[in-house]
Protein backbone atom coordinates (compact mmCIF):
# COMPACT_ATOMS: atom_id res chain seq x y z
CA MET A 1 -12.71 -7.86 -16.81
CA GLU A 2 -10.98 -11.61 -16.99
CA SER A 3 -11.52 -14.53 -14.64
CA ALA A 4 -8.74 -14.93 -12.13
CA TYR A 5 -9.06 -18.74 -12.97
CA PRO A 6 -9.07 -20.01 -16.50
CA VAL A 7 -12.17 -20.88 -18.18
CA PRO A 8 -12.53 -24.16 -20.38
CA GLY A 9 -12.48 -23.60 -23.87
CA ARG A 10 -11.98 -20.02 -23.32
CA GLY A 11 -7.88 -20.23 -22.87
CA PRO A 12 -5.84 -18.80 -25.66
CA ASN A 13 -5.06 -22.01 -27.18
CA ASP A 14 -8.18 -23.30 -27.14
CA LYS A 15 -9.67 -22.18 -30.22
CA ASN A 16 -12.11 -24.67 -31.45
CA ILE A 17 -13.21 -26.13 -27.88
CA ASN A 18 -17.08 -25.88 -27.08
CA ILE A 19 -18.16 -27.47 -23.83
CA ASN A 20 -21.38 -28.60 -23.92
CA ARG A 21 -22.91 -30.37 -21.17
CA SER A 22 -25.76 -32.17 -23.35
CA LYS A 23 -26.89 -35.46 -21.85
CA ASP A 24 -26.40 -37.74 -24.66
CA PRO A 25 -23.59 -39.63 -23.43
CA LYS A 26 -23.02 -40.45 -27.84
CA MET A 27 -22.43 -36.54 -27.81
CA LEU A 28 -20.64 -36.12 -24.96
CA PHE A 29 -17.92 -39.53 -25.82
CA LYS A 30 -17.62 -37.24 -29.36
CA GLN A 31 -16.72 -34.27 -26.96
CA ALA A 32 -14.33 -35.83 -25.16
CA ASP A 33 -12.74 -37.36 -27.93
CA GLU A 34 -12.02 -33.92 -29.80
CA ILE A 35 -10.77 -32.42 -26.44
CA GLU A 36 -8.55 -35.29 -25.79
CA LYS A 37 -6.93 -34.73 -29.33
CA THR A 38 -6.42 -31.11 -28.55
CA MET A 39 -5.31 -32.02 -24.77
CA LEU A 40 -2.53 -34.28 -26.48
CA GLU A 41 -1.54 -31.44 -29.06
CA HIS A 42 -1.04 -29.44 -26.04
CA ALA A 43 1.40 -31.78 -24.16
CA ARG A 44 3.23 -32.27 -27.25
CA ASN A 45 3.94 -28.38 -27.42
CA LEU A 46 4.90 -28.54 -23.98
CA GLU A 47 2.01 -26.53 -23.02
CA PHE A 48 1.25 -28.37 -19.86
CA GLU A 49 -0.87 -26.41 -18.06
CA ASP A 50 -3.13 -26.25 -20.55
CA ALA A 51 -2.81 -30.14 -21.22
CA ALA A 52 -3.84 -30.70 -17.66
CA ARG A 53 -6.66 -28.31 -17.31
CA LEU A 54 -7.99 -30.10 -20.59
CA ARG A 55 -7.42 -33.56 -18.61
CA ASP A 56 -9.61 -32.38 -15.66
CA GLU A 57 -12.21 -31.31 -18.06
CA LEU A 58 -12.06 -34.65 -20.00
CA GLU A 59 -12.49 -36.54 -16.66
CA ASP A 60 -15.79 -34.76 -15.82
CA ILE A 61 -17.51 -34.88 -19.67
CA ARG A 62 -16.76 -38.69 -19.37
CA ASN A 63 -18.30 -38.99 -16.04
CA THR A 64 -20.98 -37.08 -16.91
CA ALA A 65 -21.22 -39.37 -20.18
CA MET A 66 -21.18 -42.36 -17.81
CA GLY A 67 -23.41 -41.15 -15.20
CA ILE A 68 -21.20 -40.91 -12.29
CA ASN A 69 -21.56 -37.42 -11.27
CA ASP A 70 -25.29 -36.61 -11.73
């Protein structure tokens, strides 16, 4: 059964994205960099919904890395 809402890292175009919510800021920023590259690739391919979803996930990860949404 599929979800009614997209799940980050499980979209048809997100083959290599693993969302890891570790508390290590270095790992979170590294993960954010990888997601940003994928987000920009989606935008270049005119896949704006996928890019927007990753943009939102990217913001959450960066906020977690900086300790904003603890």
